[in-house]
Amino acid sequence: MTPETDGPKQGDRLIVWDLPLRLFHWGLAAAVIISVVSVNMGRMDIHERSGLTVLALVVFRVIWGFAGGHHARFANFVRSPVAVIGWLRASPPTDAPRPAGHSPLAALSVIALLMITGYLAMTGMFSTDGILFDGPLAHLAPVSPYLMAKIHHFGKPVLIVLVLLHLAAILVYKFARKTSLTKAMVTGRAAEAPGKVAGADGGISRNLLVVGMVLMAGLQLAAHALPLFRPAW
């Protein structure tokens, strides 16, 4: 007798997220966690490095939003406010395949998270507490570095709210819609079987993969070199 299977194999499922995008996603999550934990522990040396990591990752994501795989490109998932409202009001058939990639509402979450993490990374570079920490570019701050520090701190509660909303959306998809978004971001393939999800293939060529990896590494090196500009005095 032929043993029964659980459905199509993972390799048969639609590719949604390319590898550089997945590395960005998990790298940003790790860097944000380290940033929050390190500042609460008073380890500003670690906090600075994780902040620079965030900066490089955000810059990478912006570039990859124009050069990456189909579902990574902003043009393929960012929609106008009118389109988002229309999507929220629509009631698609329950048996219709789920569109692959970010939904119009999730796109707003992506943009918001990029903006707040970029905001925190940029303002942190120009901040100082006047005692224990000077950002690597605090001496070049466009306004008082003390003011930049206050502006920097305004972003923390916004970040926490956005992260909580992001986690809530993942849980809703997992338990209410029976879709594991986390698994898809690990494997790169849709969690649903073929026929349950529809959309363009999000895979990329080997050459573009190499470009993406080199770009990510180069941006990290450039960001972590910024402390070299800190005055010796």
Protein backbone atom coordinates (compact mmCIF):
# COMPACT_ATOMS: atom_id res chain seq x y z
CA MET A 1 0.00 0.00 0.00
CA THR A 2 1.19 3.52 -0.71
CA PRO A 3 1.44 5.63 2.47
CA GLU A 4 -0.79 8.67 2.59
CA THR A 5 0.78 12.11 2.42
CA ASP A 6 -0.18 15.36 4.06
CA GLY A 7 -0.54 17.18 0.75
CA PRO A 8 1.91 18.95 -1.54
CA LYS A 9 5.51 19.07 -0.42
CA GLN A 10 7.07 22.34 0.71
CA GLY A 11 9.02 22.54 -2.55
CA ASP A 12 5.76 22.62 -4.52
CA ARG A 13 4.50 25.74 -2.76
CA LEU A 14 4.68 29.28 -4.13
CA ILE A 15 7.89 31.19 -3.42
CA VAL A 16 6.90 34.47 -1.79
CA TRP A 17 9.89 35.94 0.07
CA ASP A 18 13.41 35.99 -1.37
CA LEU A 19 16.38 35.16 0.87
CA PRO A 20 17.78 38.71 1.29
CA LEU A 21 14.34 39.91 2.37
CA ARG A 22 14.05 37.12 4.93
CA LEU A 23 17.50 37.89 6.32
CA PHE A 24 16.50 41.53 6.58
CA HIS A 25 13.30 40.64 8.44
CA TRP A 26 14.90 38.41 11.07
CA GLY A 27 17.98 40.62 11.33
CA LEU A 28 15.83 43.67 12.04
CA ALA A 29 13.79 41.78 14.62
CA ALA A 30 16.96 40.65 16.42
CA ALA A 31 18.59 44.10 16.24
CA VAL A 32 15.50 45.83 17.63
CA ILE A 33 15.26 43.38 20.53
CA ILE A 34 18.96 43.83 21.31
CA SER A 35 18.58 47.61 21.13
CA VAL A 36 15.72 47.64 23.64
CA VAL A 37 17.35 45.17 26.04
CA SER A 38 20.80 46.79 25.89
CA VAL A 39 19.55 50.33 26.60
CA ASN A 40 17.54 49.06 29.57
CA MET A 41 20.70 47.40 30.88
CA GLY A 42 22.74 50.55 30.38
CA ARG A 43 24.99 48.87 27.80
CA MET A 44 25.24 51.78 25.42
CA ASP A 45 28.16 50.20 23.57
CA ILE A 46 25.91 47.33 22.51
CA HIS A 47 23.00 49.71 21.95
CA GLU A 48 25.07 51.76 19.53
CA ARG A 49 26.11 48.71 17.51
CA SER A 50 22.58 47.32 17.31
CA GLY A 51 21.33 50.76 16.27
CA LEU A 52 23.87 50.91 13.46
CA THR A 53 22.78 47.44 12.40
CA VAL A 54 19.18 48.69 12.25
CA LEU A 55 20.24 51.68 10.18
CA ALA A 56 22.01 49.52 7.60
CA LEU A 57 19.08 47.10 7.42
CA VAL A 58 16.55 49.88 6.87
CA VAL A 59 18.65 51.39 4.08
CA PHE A 60 18.94 47.94 2.54
CA ARG A 61 15.18 47.41 2.68
CA VAL A 62 14.52 50.71 0.95
CA ILE A 63 16.88 49.77 -1.88
CA TRP A 64 15.50 46.22 -2.01
CA GLY A 65 12.03 47.70 -2.28
CA PHE A 66 12.98 48.69 -5.82
CA ALA A 67 15.35 45.86 -6.77
CA GLY A 68 14.22 42.75 -4.88
CA GLY A 69 11.83 39.93 -5.65
CA HIS A 70 8.28 40.59 -6.82
CA HIS A 71 6.71 40.68 -3.37
CA ALA A 72 9.60 42.71 -1.92
CA ARG A 73 9.12 45.64 -4.30
CA PHE A 74 7.07 48.55 -2.98
CA ALA A 75 5.30 48.99 -6.31
CA ASN A 76 3.74 45.55 -5.92
CA PHE A 77 2.24 45.95 -2.45
CA VAL A 78 2.02 49.59 -1.35
CA ARG A 79 -1.43 50.96 -2.12
CA SER A 80 -3.17 54.34 -1.83
CA PRO A 81 -5.35 55.11 1.23
CA VAL A 82 -8.44 54.76 -0.98
CA ALA A 83 -7.33 51.27 -2.05
CA VAL A 84 -6.67 50.27 1.57
CA ILE A 85 -10.15 51.40 2.62
CA GLY A 86 -11.67 49.53 -0.32
CA TRP A 87 -9.77 46.39 0.66
CA LEU A 88 -11.03 46.67 4.25
CA ARG A 89 -14.62 47.03 3.06
CA ALA A 90 -14.45 44.18 0.56
CA SER A 91 -15.71 40.72 1.47
CA PRO A 92 -13.90 38.21 -0.74
CA PRO A 93 -15.38 34.70 -1.12
CA THR A 94 -14.26 32.42 1.70
CA ASP A 95 -13.03 29.83 -0.80
CA ALA A 96 -11.00 32.32 -2.86
CA PRO A 97 -7.19 31.86 -2.82
CA ARG A 98 -5.38 34.31 -0.56
CA PRO A 99 -3.26 36.83 -2.51
CA ALA A 100 0.43 36.18 -1.86
CA GLY A 101 2.59 38.85 -0.29
CA HIS A 102 1.63 41.79 1.89
CA SER A 103 -2.02 42.82 2.05
CA PRO A 104 -2.75 46.55 1.58
CA LEU A 105 -3.13 46.91 5.37
CA ALA A 106 0.05 44.97 6.07
CA ALA A 107 1.84 47.27 3.63
CA LEU A 108 1.06 50.20 5.92
CA SER A 109 2.59 48.24 8.80
CA VAL A 110 5.74 47.61 6.76
CA ILE A 111 6.15 51.28 5.89
CA ALA A 112 5.41 52.38 9.47
CA LEU A 113 7.98 49.97 10.94
CA LEU A 114 10.61 51.06 8.42
CA MET A 115 9.94 54.70 9.24
CA ILE A 116 10.08 54.31 13.02
CA THR A 117 13.17 52.08 13.05
CA GLY A 118 14.91 54.40 10.60
CA TYR A 119 13.88 57.39 12.72
CA LEU A 120 15.30 55.80 15.88
CA ALA A 121 18.55 54.79 14.18
CA MET A 122 19.10 58.22 12.63
CA THR A 123 18.28 60.27 15.71
CA GLY A 124 20.36 57.96 17.89
CA MET A 125 23.47 58.67 15.83
CA PHE A 126 23.20 62.40 16.61
CA SER A 127 22.25 62.05 20.29
CA THR A 128 24.15 62.52 23.52
CA ASP A 129 23.33 62.23 27.21
CA GLY A 130 26.26 64.46 28.08
CA ILE A 131 27.68 61.87 30.47
CA LEU A 132 28.11 58.32 29.26
CA PHE A 133 27.20 58.32 25.60
CA ASP A 134 27.75 60.37 22.49
CA GLY A 135 26.31 59.10 19.23
CA PRO A 136 28.94 58.57 16.53
CA LEU A 137 27.78 61.71 14.71
CA ALA A 138 26.64 63.76 17.73
CA HIS A 139 29.24 66.41 16.89
CA LEU A 140 27.48 66.89 13.54
CA ALA A 141 23.94 67.11 14.92
CA PRO A 142 21.81 69.65 13.00
CA VAL A 143 20.39 70.81 16.35
CA SER A 144 21.53 70.33 19.95
CA PRO A 145 22.51 66.66 20.49
CA TYR A 146 20.63 66.87 23.81
CA LEU A 147 17.49 67.78 21.88
CA MET A 148 18.20 64.94 19.46
CA ALA A 149 18.30 62.57 22.43
CA LYS A 150 14.84 63.73 23.52
CA ILE A 151 13.53 63.37 19.98
CA HIS A 152 15.08 59.90 19.85
CA HIS A 153 13.21 58.80 22.99
CA PHE A 154 9.85 59.85 21.53
CA GLY A 155 10.10 56.97 19.08
CA LYS A 156 10.28 54.16 21.64
CA PRO A 157 6.56 54.00 22.57
CA VAL A 158 5.61 54.25 18.90
CA LEU A 159 7.92 51.32 18.11
CA ILE A 160 6.42 49.23 20.92
CA VAL A 161 2.86 49.86 19.70
CA LEU A 162 3.74 48.96 16.10
CA VAL A 163 5.54 45.78 17.15
CA LEU A 164 2.58 44.71 19.28
CA LEU A 165 0.20 45.30 16.37
CA HIS A 166 2.51 43.30 14.12
CA LEU A 167 2.57 40.39 16.56
CA ALA A 168 -1.21 40.58 16.96
CA ALA A 169 -1.67 40.31 13.19
CA ILE A 170 0.58 37.23 13.10
CA LEU A 171 -1.51 35.58 15.82
CA VAL A 172 -4.77 36.40 14.03
CA TYR A 173 -3.50 34.79 10.84
CA LYS A 174 -2.19 31.75 12.72
CA PHE A 175 -5.23 30.96 14.86
CA ALA A 176 -8.16 32.58 13.04
CA ARG A 177 -7.09 32.06 9.43
CA LYS A 178 -4.88 28.98 9.99
CA THR A 179 -2.02 30.59 8.08
CA SER A 180 1.52 30.60 9.47
CA LEU A 181 3.11 33.84 8.33
CA THR A 182 6.15 33.11 10.49
CA LYS A 183 6.84 29.81 8.73
CA ALA A 184 6.57 31.53 5.36
CA MET A 185 9.14 34.11 6.43
CA VAL A 186 11.51 31.30 7.44
CA THR A 187 11.18 29.08 4.37
CA GLY A 188 10.32 31.76 1.83
CA ARG A 189 7.37 29.72 0.56
CA ALA A 190 3.67 30.23 1.19
CA ALA A 191 2.33 28.26 4.14
CA GLU A 192 -0.77 27.33 2.14
CA ALA A 193 -0.89 24.52 -0.37
CA PRO A 194 -1.10 25.33 -4.10
CA GLY A 195 -4.58 26.52 -4.94
CA LYS A 196 -5.00 28.18 -1.55
CA VAL A 197 -2.75 31.11 -2.37
CA ALA A 198 -2.34 32.99 -5.64
CA GLY A 199 0.19 35.47 -6.94
CA ALA A 200 3.44 35.96 -8.81
CA ASP A 201 6.55 33.97 -8.01
CA GLY A 202 8.73 35.92 -5.58
CA GLY A 203 11.96 34.11 -6.37
CA ILE A 204 15.04 35.89 -7.65
CA SER A 205 17.94 34.91 -9.90
CA ARG A 206 21.24 33.72 -8.51
CA ASN A 207 22.93 36.92 -9.73
CA LEU A 208 20.40 39.12 -7.93
CA LEU A 209 20.79 36.99 -4.82
CA VAL A 210 24.53 37.65 -4.84
CA VAL A 211 23.93 41.37 -5.39
CA GLY A 212 21.51 41.46 -2.48
CA MET A 213 23.88 39.67 -0.10
CA VAL A 214 26.84 41.85 -1.07
CA LEU A 215 24.71 44.98 -0.72
CA MET A 216 23.54 43.95 2.74
CA ALA A 217 27.08 43.17 3.90
CA GLY A 218 28.47 46.39 2.41
CA LEU A 219 25.85 48.54 4.12
CA GLN A 220 26.59 46.86 7.44
CA LEU A 221 30.30 47.56 7.07
CA ALA A 222 29.61 51.19 6.16
CA ALA A 223 27.22 51.72 9.07
CA HIS A 224 29.54 50.14 11.63
CA ALA A 225 32.39 52.33 10.36
CA LEU A 226 30.52 55.51 11.36
CA PRO A 227 32.00 55.57 14.91
CA LEU A 228 35.37 56.18 13.25
CA PHE A 229 34.12 59.73 12.59
CA ARG A 230 33.67 60.36 16.32
CA PRO A 231 36.19 63.02 17.45
CA ALA A 232 39.03 61.77 19.63
CA TRP A 233 38.32 64.56 22.09
